[in-house]
N, C-alpha and C. Protein backbone atom coordinates (compact mmCIF):
# COMPACT_ATOMS: atom_id res chain seq x y z
N MET A 1 7.75 -113.76 101.77
CA MET A 1 7.40 -115.16 101.98
C MET A 1 8.12 -116.07 100.99
N VAL A 2 8.11 -115.72 99.73
CA VAL A 2 8.80 -116.53 98.74
C VAL A 2 10.31 -116.56 99.01
N ALA A 3 10.89 -115.40 99.35
CA ALA A 3 12.32 -115.35 99.64
C ALA A 3 12.67 -116.28 100.80
N GLY A 4 11.85 -116.31 101.83
CA GLY A 4 12.10 -117.20 102.97
C GLY A 4 12.02 -118.66 102.56
N LEU A 5 11.05 -118.99 101.75
CA LEU A 5 10.91 -120.36 101.28
C LEU A 5 12.10 -120.73 100.40
N THR A 6 12.49 -119.84 99.53
CA THR A 6 13.64 -120.10 98.67
C THR A 6 14.90 -120.31 99.50
N THR A 7 15.10 -119.46 100.50
CA THR A 7 16.27 -119.60 101.37
C THR A 7 16.25 -120.94 102.09
N PHE A 8 15.09 -121.36 102.56
CA PHE A 8 14.97 -122.63 103.24
C PHE A 8 15.34 -123.78 102.31
N VAL A 9 14.83 -123.75 101.09
CA VAL A 9 15.11 -124.82 100.13
C VAL A 9 16.60 -124.86 99.82
N LEU A 10 17.23 -123.70 99.61
CA LEU A 10 18.65 -123.68 99.32
C LEU A 10 19.46 -124.20 100.50
N LEU A 11 19.10 -123.81 101.70
CA LEU A 11 19.82 -124.30 102.88
C LEU A 11 19.61 -125.79 103.05
N ASP A 12 18.41 -126.27 102.82
CA ASP A 12 18.13 -127.69 102.94
C ASP A 12 18.94 -128.48 101.93
N THR A 13 19.02 -128.00 100.70
CA THR A 13 19.79 -128.68 99.67
C THR A 13 21.27 -128.70 100.03
N ASP A 14 21.78 -127.58 100.53
CA ASP A 14 23.21 -127.52 100.87
C ASP A 14 23.54 -128.39 102.07
N SER A 15 22.60 -128.60 102.95
CA SER A 15 22.90 -129.36 104.15
C SER A 15 22.78 -130.86 103.96
N ASP A 16 22.33 -131.31 102.79
CA ASP A 16 22.21 -132.74 102.54
C ASP A 16 23.60 -133.33 102.36
N SER A 17 24.03 -134.12 103.32
CA SER A 17 25.38 -134.66 103.26
C SER A 17 25.40 -136.13 102.90
N SER A 18 24.29 -136.69 102.38
CA SER A 18 24.27 -138.11 102.08
C SER A 18 25.27 -138.48 100.99
N SER A 19 25.62 -137.53 100.11
CA SER A 19 26.55 -137.85 99.04
C SER A 19 27.98 -137.41 99.36
N VAL A 20 28.21 -136.80 100.49
CA VAL A 20 29.55 -136.37 100.87
C VAL A 20 30.20 -137.50 101.66
N ARG A 21 31.38 -137.92 101.20
CA ARG A 21 32.05 -139.05 101.85
C ARG A 21 33.50 -138.69 102.14
N PRO A 22 34.04 -139.24 103.21
CA PRO A 22 35.45 -139.00 103.50
C PRO A 22 36.34 -139.76 102.51
N THR A 23 37.51 -139.22 102.25
CA THR A 23 38.49 -139.88 101.41
C THR A 23 39.64 -140.35 102.29
N PRO A 24 40.49 -141.24 101.80
CA PRO A 24 41.59 -141.74 102.63
C PRO A 24 42.52 -140.64 103.16
N ASP A 25 42.62 -139.51 102.44
CA ASP A 25 43.51 -138.45 102.91
C ASP A 25 42.82 -137.50 103.89
N GLY A 26 41.57 -137.80 104.29
CA GLY A 26 40.87 -136.98 105.26
C GLY A 26 40.00 -135.89 104.66
N SER A 27 40.12 -135.65 103.35
CA SER A 27 39.24 -134.66 102.72
C SER A 27 37.89 -135.33 102.44
N THR A 28 37.02 -134.61 101.78
CA THR A 28 35.72 -135.19 101.46
C THR A 28 35.48 -135.15 99.96
N CYS A 29 34.57 -135.98 99.51
CA CYS A 29 34.21 -136.04 98.10
C CYS A 29 32.69 -136.07 98.02
N ALA A 30 32.15 -135.27 97.14
CA ALA A 30 30.71 -135.22 96.96
C ALA A 30 30.38 -135.39 95.48
N VAL A 31 29.16 -135.82 95.22
CA VAL A 31 28.68 -135.91 93.84
C VAL A 31 28.60 -134.49 93.29
N ARG A 32 29.20 -134.30 92.11
CA ARG A 32 29.18 -133.01 91.44
C ARG A 32 29.04 -133.27 89.94
N VAL A 33 28.19 -132.47 89.26
CA VAL A 33 27.98 -132.65 87.83
C VAL A 33 28.04 -131.30 87.14
N GLU A 34 28.76 -131.25 86.04
CA GLU A 34 28.78 -130.06 85.18
C GLU A 34 28.01 -130.42 83.92
N PRO A 35 27.00 -129.63 83.56
CA PRO A 35 26.23 -129.95 82.36
C PRO A 35 27.10 -129.95 81.11
N ALA A 36 26.72 -130.77 80.15
CA ALA A 36 27.46 -130.83 78.89
C ALA A 36 27.25 -129.54 78.10
N ALA A 37 28.29 -129.13 77.39
CA ALA A 37 28.22 -127.91 76.57
C ALA A 37 27.45 -128.14 75.27
N SER A 38 27.38 -129.39 74.83
CA SER A 38 26.63 -129.72 73.61
C SER A 38 26.01 -131.10 73.77
N ASP A 39 25.12 -131.45 72.84
CA ASP A 39 24.40 -132.72 72.93
C ASP A 39 25.31 -133.94 72.83
N ASP A 40 26.43 -133.81 72.11
CA ASP A 40 27.30 -134.97 71.95
C ASP A 40 28.43 -135.04 72.99
N GLU A 41 28.54 -134.03 73.83
CA GLU A 41 29.58 -134.01 74.85
C GLU A 41 29.10 -134.73 76.11
N ALA A 42 29.99 -135.49 76.73
CA ALA A 42 29.67 -136.19 77.97
C ALA A 42 29.69 -135.21 79.13
N PRO A 43 28.62 -135.19 79.96
CA PRO A 43 28.67 -134.34 81.15
C PRO A 43 29.83 -134.77 82.05
N VAL A 44 30.58 -133.79 82.55
CA VAL A 44 31.70 -134.07 83.44
C VAL A 44 31.16 -134.19 84.86
N PHE A 45 31.65 -135.16 85.59
CA PHE A 45 31.16 -135.39 86.94
C PHE A 45 32.27 -135.82 87.86
N GLN A 46 31.97 -135.74 89.15
CA GLN A 46 32.82 -136.27 90.21
C GLN A 46 31.91 -137.09 91.11
N VAL A 47 32.35 -138.26 91.51
CA VAL A 47 31.60 -139.10 92.46
C VAL A 47 32.56 -139.69 93.47
N PRO A 48 32.07 -139.97 94.67
CA PRO A 48 32.90 -140.68 95.64
C PRO A 48 33.22 -142.08 95.13
N GLY A 49 34.45 -142.51 95.31
CA GLY A 49 34.85 -143.84 94.88
C GLY A 49 34.37 -144.91 95.86
N LEU A 50 34.10 -146.07 95.33
CA LEU A 50 33.66 -147.20 96.14
C LEU A 50 34.67 -147.52 97.23
N ASP A 51 35.96 -147.35 96.92
CA ASP A 51 37.02 -147.63 97.88
C ASP A 51 37.62 -146.37 98.47
N GLY A 52 36.88 -145.26 98.39
CA GLY A 52 37.37 -143.99 98.90
C GLY A 52 37.87 -143.11 97.77
N GLY A 53 38.25 -141.93 98.11
CA GLY A 53 38.73 -140.98 97.10
C GLY A 53 37.60 -140.48 96.22
N CYS A 54 37.98 -139.79 95.17
CA CYS A 54 37.02 -139.24 94.21
C CYS A 54 37.35 -139.75 92.82
N ILE A 55 36.33 -139.94 92.04
CA ILE A 55 36.49 -140.26 90.62
C ILE A 55 35.97 -139.04 89.88
N ASP A 56 36.83 -138.44 89.06
CA ASP A 56 36.48 -137.25 88.30
C ASP A 56 36.67 -137.56 86.82
N LEU A 57 35.57 -137.52 86.06
CA LEU A 57 35.65 -137.84 84.64
C LEU A 57 36.64 -136.94 83.91
N ALA A 58 36.81 -135.71 84.34
CA ALA A 58 37.75 -134.78 83.69
C ALA A 58 39.18 -135.33 83.69
N ASP A 59 39.52 -136.15 84.68
CA ASP A 59 40.85 -136.73 84.76
C ASP A 59 41.13 -137.71 83.62
N PHE A 60 40.10 -138.13 82.90
CA PHE A 60 40.25 -139.14 81.86
C PHE A 60 40.17 -138.57 80.45
N ARG A 61 40.14 -137.23 80.35
CA ARG A 61 40.15 -136.60 79.02
C ARG A 61 41.42 -137.04 78.32
N GLY A 62 41.29 -137.43 77.06
CA GLY A 62 42.43 -137.93 76.31
C GLY A 62 42.49 -139.45 76.27
N ARG A 63 41.60 -140.09 77.02
CA ARG A 63 41.53 -141.55 77.04
C ARG A 63 40.13 -141.98 76.61
N PRO A 64 40.01 -143.15 75.96
CA PRO A 64 38.67 -143.68 75.69
C PRO A 64 38.06 -144.16 77.02
N VAL A 65 36.76 -143.90 77.20
CA VAL A 65 36.11 -144.25 78.47
C VAL A 65 34.85 -145.07 78.21
N LEU A 66 34.74 -146.17 78.92
CA LEU A 66 33.51 -146.94 78.97
C LEU A 66 32.88 -146.58 80.31
N LEU A 67 31.73 -145.91 80.28
CA LEU A 67 31.04 -145.46 81.49
C LEU A 67 29.77 -146.28 81.65
N ASN A 68 29.70 -147.06 82.73
CA ASN A 68 28.60 -147.99 82.95
C ASN A 68 27.84 -147.64 84.23
N PHE A 69 26.53 -147.44 84.10
CA PHE A 69 25.66 -147.21 85.25
C PHE A 69 25.06 -148.56 85.64
N TRP A 70 25.17 -148.91 86.92
CA TRP A 70 24.77 -150.23 87.39
C TRP A 70 24.27 -150.15 88.82
N ALA A 71 23.75 -151.26 89.33
CA ALA A 71 23.39 -151.41 90.74
C ALA A 71 23.47 -152.89 91.10
N SER A 72 23.76 -153.17 92.34
CA SER A 72 23.93 -154.55 92.78
C SER A 72 22.65 -155.36 92.69
N TYR A 73 21.49 -154.72 92.77
CA TYR A 73 20.21 -155.42 92.73
C TYR A 73 19.74 -155.70 91.30
N CYS A 74 20.46 -155.21 90.31
CA CYS A 74 20.06 -155.29 88.90
C CYS A 74 20.64 -156.55 88.27
N THR A 75 19.79 -157.51 87.93
CA THR A 75 20.26 -158.78 87.36
C THR A 75 21.03 -158.59 86.05
N PRO A 76 20.54 -157.79 85.09
CA PRO A 76 21.33 -157.59 83.86
C PRO A 76 22.69 -156.93 84.15
N CYS A 77 22.73 -156.07 85.16
CA CYS A 77 24.02 -155.46 85.54
C CYS A 77 24.98 -156.54 86.03
N ARG A 78 24.47 -157.44 86.82
CA ARG A 78 25.29 -158.53 87.34
C ARG A 78 25.82 -159.40 86.20
N ASP A 79 24.96 -159.62 85.20
CA ASP A 79 25.34 -160.48 84.08
C ASP A 79 26.46 -159.87 83.23
N GLU A 80 26.53 -158.53 83.14
CA GLU A 80 27.54 -157.92 82.28
C GLU A 80 28.86 -157.62 83.00
N PHE A 81 28.91 -157.76 84.31
CA PHE A 81 30.15 -157.47 85.04
C PHE A 81 31.35 -158.29 84.53
N PRO A 82 31.21 -159.58 84.27
CA PRO A 82 32.36 -160.33 83.75
C PRO A 82 32.86 -159.77 82.41
N LEU A 83 31.96 -159.28 81.57
CA LEU A 83 32.37 -158.70 80.29
C LEU A 83 33.12 -157.38 80.49
N LEU A 84 32.70 -156.60 81.50
CA LEU A 84 33.41 -155.36 81.82
C LEU A 84 34.83 -155.69 82.28
N LYS A 85 34.95 -156.71 83.10
CA LYS A 85 36.26 -157.13 83.59
C LYS A 85 37.16 -157.55 82.43
N GLN A 86 36.61 -158.33 81.51
CA GLN A 86 37.37 -158.76 80.34
C GLN A 86 37.82 -157.57 79.49
N ALA A 87 36.91 -156.62 79.29
CA ALA A 87 37.23 -155.44 78.47
C ALA A 87 38.36 -154.65 79.10
N GLN A 88 38.29 -154.47 80.40
CA GLN A 88 39.34 -153.71 81.08
C GLN A 88 40.69 -154.41 80.94
N GLU A 89 40.70 -155.71 81.13
CA GLU A 89 41.96 -156.46 81.04
C GLU A 89 42.48 -156.50 79.61
N GLN A 90 41.61 -156.74 78.66
CA GLN A 90 42.01 -156.87 77.27
C GLN A 90 42.51 -155.55 76.68
N HIS A 91 41.94 -154.43 77.11
CA HIS A 91 42.27 -153.13 76.51
C HIS A 91 43.08 -152.22 77.41
N ARG A 92 43.75 -152.79 78.38
CA ARG A 92 44.61 -152.02 79.27
C ARG A 92 45.69 -151.27 78.46
N ASP A 93 46.28 -151.94 77.48
CA ASP A 93 47.33 -151.31 76.67
C ASP A 93 46.77 -150.25 75.72
N ASP A 94 45.46 -150.26 75.50
CA ASP A 94 44.80 -149.24 74.66
C ASP A 94 44.42 -148.01 75.48
N ASP A 95 44.79 -148.01 76.77
CA ASP A 95 44.52 -146.90 77.68
C ASP A 95 43.02 -146.72 77.98
N LEU A 96 42.23 -147.79 77.80
CA LEU A 96 40.80 -147.73 78.08
C LEU A 96 40.55 -147.53 79.57
N ALA A 97 39.72 -146.56 79.89
CA ALA A 97 39.27 -146.35 81.28
C ALA A 97 37.87 -146.91 81.41
N VAL A 98 37.68 -147.86 82.29
CA VAL A 98 36.37 -148.41 82.59
C VAL A 98 35.94 -147.80 83.92
N ILE A 99 34.80 -147.12 83.89
CA ILE A 99 34.27 -146.47 85.10
C ILE A 99 32.85 -146.96 85.32
N GLY A 100 32.61 -147.53 86.46
CA GLY A 100 31.27 -147.96 86.84
C GLY A 100 30.70 -147.00 87.86
N VAL A 101 29.46 -146.60 87.65
CA VAL A 101 28.79 -145.70 88.59
C VAL A 101 27.59 -146.44 89.17
N SER A 102 27.67 -146.74 90.45
CA SER A 102 26.58 -147.39 91.16
C SER A 102 25.45 -146.38 91.33
N PHE A 103 24.34 -146.66 90.70
CA PHE A 103 23.24 -145.71 90.58
C PHE A 103 22.16 -146.02 91.62
N ARG A 104 22.08 -145.14 92.64
CA ARG A 104 21.07 -145.26 93.69
C ARG A 104 21.02 -146.65 94.30
N ASP A 105 22.16 -147.11 94.73
CA ASP A 105 22.29 -148.43 95.33
C ASP A 105 22.65 -148.27 96.80
N ILE A 106 22.59 -149.34 97.54
CA ILE A 106 23.01 -149.36 98.94
C ILE A 106 24.51 -149.60 98.96
N ASP A 107 25.25 -148.73 99.64
CA ASP A 107 26.71 -148.77 99.65
C ASP A 107 27.27 -150.17 99.94
N ASP A 108 26.84 -150.76 101.03
CA ASP A 108 27.40 -152.06 101.42
C ASP A 108 27.08 -153.14 100.39
N ASP A 109 25.89 -153.08 99.79
CA ASP A 109 25.52 -154.06 98.76
C ASP A 109 26.39 -153.88 97.51
N ALA A 110 26.61 -152.63 97.11
CA ALA A 110 27.44 -152.35 95.94
C ALA A 110 28.87 -152.84 96.18
N ARG A 111 29.42 -152.54 97.35
CA ARG A 111 30.78 -152.98 97.68
C ARG A 111 30.89 -154.50 97.70
N ALA A 112 29.92 -155.15 98.34
CA ALA A 112 29.96 -156.61 98.45
C ALA A 112 29.89 -157.25 97.07
N PHE A 113 29.01 -156.74 96.21
CA PHE A 113 28.91 -157.31 94.87
C PHE A 113 30.20 -157.09 94.08
N ALA A 114 30.74 -155.89 94.13
CA ALA A 114 31.98 -155.58 93.41
C ALA A 114 33.12 -156.47 93.91
N ASP A 115 33.20 -156.67 95.22
CA ASP A 115 34.23 -157.54 95.79
C ASP A 115 34.04 -158.98 95.32
N ASP A 116 32.80 -159.44 95.33
CA ASP A 116 32.48 -160.80 94.90
C ASP A 116 32.88 -161.03 93.44
N GLN A 117 32.75 -160.00 92.62
CA GLN A 117 33.07 -160.09 91.20
C GLN A 117 34.54 -159.78 90.89
N ASP A 118 35.32 -159.46 91.92
CA ASP A 118 36.72 -159.06 91.73
C ASP A 118 36.83 -157.90 90.75
N ALA A 119 35.91 -156.95 90.87
CA ALA A 119 35.91 -155.78 89.99
C ALA A 119 37.15 -154.95 90.29
N SER A 120 37.96 -154.74 89.27
CA SER A 120 39.22 -154.02 89.48
C SER A 120 39.25 -152.68 88.74
N TRP A 121 38.13 -152.29 88.17
CA TRP A 121 38.05 -150.99 87.52
C TRP A 121 37.50 -149.98 88.51
N LEU A 122 37.51 -148.71 88.13
CA LEU A 122 37.03 -147.65 89.01
C LEU A 122 35.53 -147.75 89.20
N LEU A 123 35.11 -147.72 90.45
CA LEU A 123 33.68 -147.78 90.77
C LEU A 123 33.36 -146.64 91.73
N GLY A 124 32.28 -145.94 91.45
CA GLY A 124 31.87 -144.83 92.29
C GLY A 124 30.39 -144.88 92.60
N PHE A 125 29.97 -144.02 93.53
CA PHE A 125 28.58 -143.94 93.98
C PHE A 125 27.89 -142.70 93.41
N ASP A 126 26.68 -142.89 92.91
CA ASP A 126 25.81 -141.77 92.54
C ASP A 126 24.54 -141.92 93.36
N ASP A 127 24.66 -141.79 94.68
CA ASP A 127 23.50 -142.01 95.53
C ASP A 127 22.47 -140.89 95.43
N THR A 128 22.85 -139.74 94.88
CA THR A 128 21.88 -138.65 94.68
C THR A 128 21.11 -138.83 93.38
N GLY A 129 21.67 -139.59 92.44
CA GLY A 129 21.06 -139.76 91.13
C GLY A 129 21.38 -138.62 90.17
N ASP A 130 22.17 -137.63 90.61
CA ASP A 130 22.45 -136.45 89.80
C ASP A 130 23.26 -136.76 88.54
N VAL A 131 24.22 -137.66 88.65
CA VAL A 131 25.03 -138.00 87.48
C VAL A 131 24.17 -138.76 86.48
N GLY A 132 23.42 -139.72 86.96
CA GLY A 132 22.51 -140.46 86.08
C GLY A 132 21.52 -139.53 85.38
N LYS A 133 21.01 -138.58 86.12
CA LYS A 133 20.06 -137.62 85.54
C LYS A 133 20.72 -136.81 84.43
N ALA A 134 21.96 -136.38 84.64
CA ALA A 134 22.67 -135.60 83.62
C ALA A 134 22.87 -136.41 82.33
N TYR A 135 22.98 -137.72 82.47
CA TYR A 135 23.14 -138.60 81.32
C TYR A 135 21.81 -139.14 80.80
N GLY A 136 20.72 -138.81 81.46
CA GLY A 136 19.41 -139.28 81.02
C GLY A 136 19.13 -140.73 81.40
N VAL A 137 19.83 -141.23 82.41
CA VAL A 137 19.68 -142.63 82.83
C VAL A 137 18.44 -142.77 83.70
N ARG A 138 17.62 -143.71 83.35
CA ARG A 138 16.49 -144.10 84.20
C ARG A 138 16.62 -145.59 84.51
N PRO A 139 16.27 -146.46 83.57
CA PRO A 139 16.52 -147.87 83.89
C PRO A 139 18.01 -148.15 83.74
N ILE A 140 18.47 -149.15 84.46
CA ILE A 140 19.85 -149.58 84.36
C ILE A 140 19.87 -151.05 83.97
N PRO A 141 20.94 -151.53 83.41
CA PRO A 141 22.19 -150.85 83.12
C PRO A 141 22.10 -149.99 81.87
N GLN A 142 22.96 -149.00 81.83
CA GLN A 142 23.18 -148.20 80.63
C GLN A 142 24.68 -147.94 80.54
N THR A 143 25.19 -147.96 79.31
CA THR A 143 26.62 -147.78 79.10
C THR A 143 26.86 -146.73 78.03
N PHE A 144 27.79 -145.83 78.33
CA PHE A 144 28.19 -144.77 77.41
C PHE A 144 29.62 -145.02 76.99
N PHE A 145 29.89 -144.87 75.70
CA PHE A 145 31.23 -145.04 75.15
C PHE A 145 31.70 -143.64 74.75
N ILE A 146 32.74 -143.16 75.44
CA ILE A 146 33.18 -141.77 75.33
C ILE A 146 34.53 -141.71 74.63
N ASN A 147 34.59 -140.90 73.57
CA ASN A 147 35.82 -140.70 72.82
C ASN A 147 36.86 -139.95 73.65
N ARG A 148 38.08 -139.97 73.19
CA ARG A 148 39.18 -139.29 73.86
C ARG A 148 38.94 -137.79 74.01
N ASP A 149 38.15 -137.20 73.09
CA ASP A 149 37.88 -135.76 73.15
C ASP A 149 36.70 -135.41 74.05
N GLY A 150 36.13 -136.41 74.73
CA GLY A 150 35.04 -136.16 75.66
C GLY A 150 33.65 -136.20 75.04
N THR A 151 33.55 -136.57 73.76
CA THR A 151 32.24 -136.70 73.13
C THR A 151 31.75 -138.13 73.25
N ILE A 152 30.44 -138.28 73.25
CA ILE A 152 29.84 -139.61 73.36
C ILE A 152 29.76 -140.24 71.98
N SER A 153 30.39 -141.39 71.83
CA SER A 153 30.40 -142.12 70.57
C SER A 153 29.12 -142.93 70.40
N SER A 154 28.74 -143.62 71.47
CA SER A 154 27.51 -144.43 71.43
C SER A 154 27.00 -144.65 72.85
N HIS A 155 25.80 -145.19 72.91
CA HIS A 155 25.10 -145.35 74.19
C HIS A 155 24.24 -146.61 74.09
N LEU A 156 24.43 -147.53 74.99
CA LEU A 156 23.58 -148.73 75.07
C LEU A 156 22.57 -148.54 76.18
N PHE A 157 21.30 -148.69 75.86
CA PHE A 157 20.22 -148.51 76.82
C PHE A 157 19.89 -149.79 77.56
N GLN A 158 20.68 -150.81 77.37
CA GLN A 158 20.44 -152.11 78.00
C GLN A 158 21.77 -152.80 78.21
N ALA A 159 21.73 -153.96 78.82
CA ALA A 159 22.96 -154.72 79.04
C ALA A 159 23.49 -155.24 77.72
N PHE A 160 24.81 -155.32 77.60
CA PHE A 160 25.40 -156.02 76.46
C PHE A 160 25.50 -157.47 76.89
N HIS A 161 25.26 -158.37 75.94
CA HIS A 161 25.15 -159.78 76.29
C HIS A 161 26.35 -160.62 75.85
N THR A 162 27.10 -160.11 74.89
CA THR A 162 28.23 -160.88 74.38
C THR A 162 29.47 -160.00 74.29
N LYS A 163 30.61 -160.64 74.30
CA LYS A 163 31.87 -159.93 74.13
C LYS A 163 31.90 -159.24 72.76
N LYS A 164 31.36 -159.90 71.75
CA LYS A 164 31.34 -159.33 70.39
C LYS A 164 30.54 -158.02 70.37
N GLU A 165 29.40 -158.01 71.03
CA GLU A 165 28.57 -156.79 71.08
C GLU A 165 29.33 -155.66 71.78
N LEU A 166 30.00 -155.95 72.87
CA LEU A 166 30.77 -154.95 73.59
C LEU A 166 31.94 -154.45 72.73
N GLU A 167 32.66 -155.35 72.10
CA GLU A 167 33.80 -154.98 71.28
C GLU A 167 33.38 -154.08 70.10
N GLN A 168 32.22 -154.35 69.56
CA GLN A 168 31.70 -153.53 68.44
C GLN A 168 31.53 -152.06 68.88
N GLU A 169 31.10 -151.85 70.11
CA GLU A 169 30.92 -150.49 70.64
C GLU A 169 32.26 -149.87 71.05
N LEU A 170 33.20 -150.70 71.49
CA LEU A 170 34.49 -150.20 71.95
C LEU A 170 35.40 -149.76 70.81
N GLN A 171 35.35 -150.42 69.68
CA GLN A 171 36.30 -150.14 68.59
C GLN A 171 36.35 -148.68 68.17
N PRO A 172 35.21 -147.99 68.00
CA PRO A 172 35.31 -146.57 67.60
C PRO A 172 36.00 -145.68 68.63
N ILE A 173 35.81 -145.94 69.91
CA ILE A 173 36.45 -145.07 70.91
C ILE A 173 37.92 -145.41 71.09
N LEU A 174 38.27 -146.66 70.84
CA LEU A 174 39.67 -147.05 70.93
C LEU A 174 40.46 -146.46 69.76
N ALA A 175 39.79 -146.29 68.63
CA ALA A 175 40.43 -145.74 67.44
C ALA A 175 40.42 -144.22 67.40
N SER A 176 39.65 -143.59 68.31
CA SER A 176 39.50 -142.12 68.27
C SER A 176 40.77 -141.40 68.71
């Protein structure tokens, strides 16, 4: 009886295709998370991109990464989007990767908000909540500043309100 129940649960989990999305080349992309090897290491993940394709954090090893969890319905998230845009533009020559992960949001709402804000950084979907869970995200926004070696330098549990506050968190990862 337990084996049958276990088999059912595993099959049910595998058949959930809500996070599997087509990519422009015809392949598919699904939310995938690898647990961190240590407390200071950033969990590696893959998420479907807002504009198609896949975003894989492993592709950014060697670069400083600003990882922001957000949603279109979140007012503080909306307030910090212009600062994210400024950071990406200002630190392009520093090889900064800005990655936004839409956390349990409605696809069309996330796309519409990102388009309205002229968001030009990488944006992906975490509609399963698995990536957020791996990072310990519950309320949003939350932002992680990841060093070039893949370790987490700092973590903001709330929105940043000023450019100065954001720059203070960015400097250590840009110098790493």
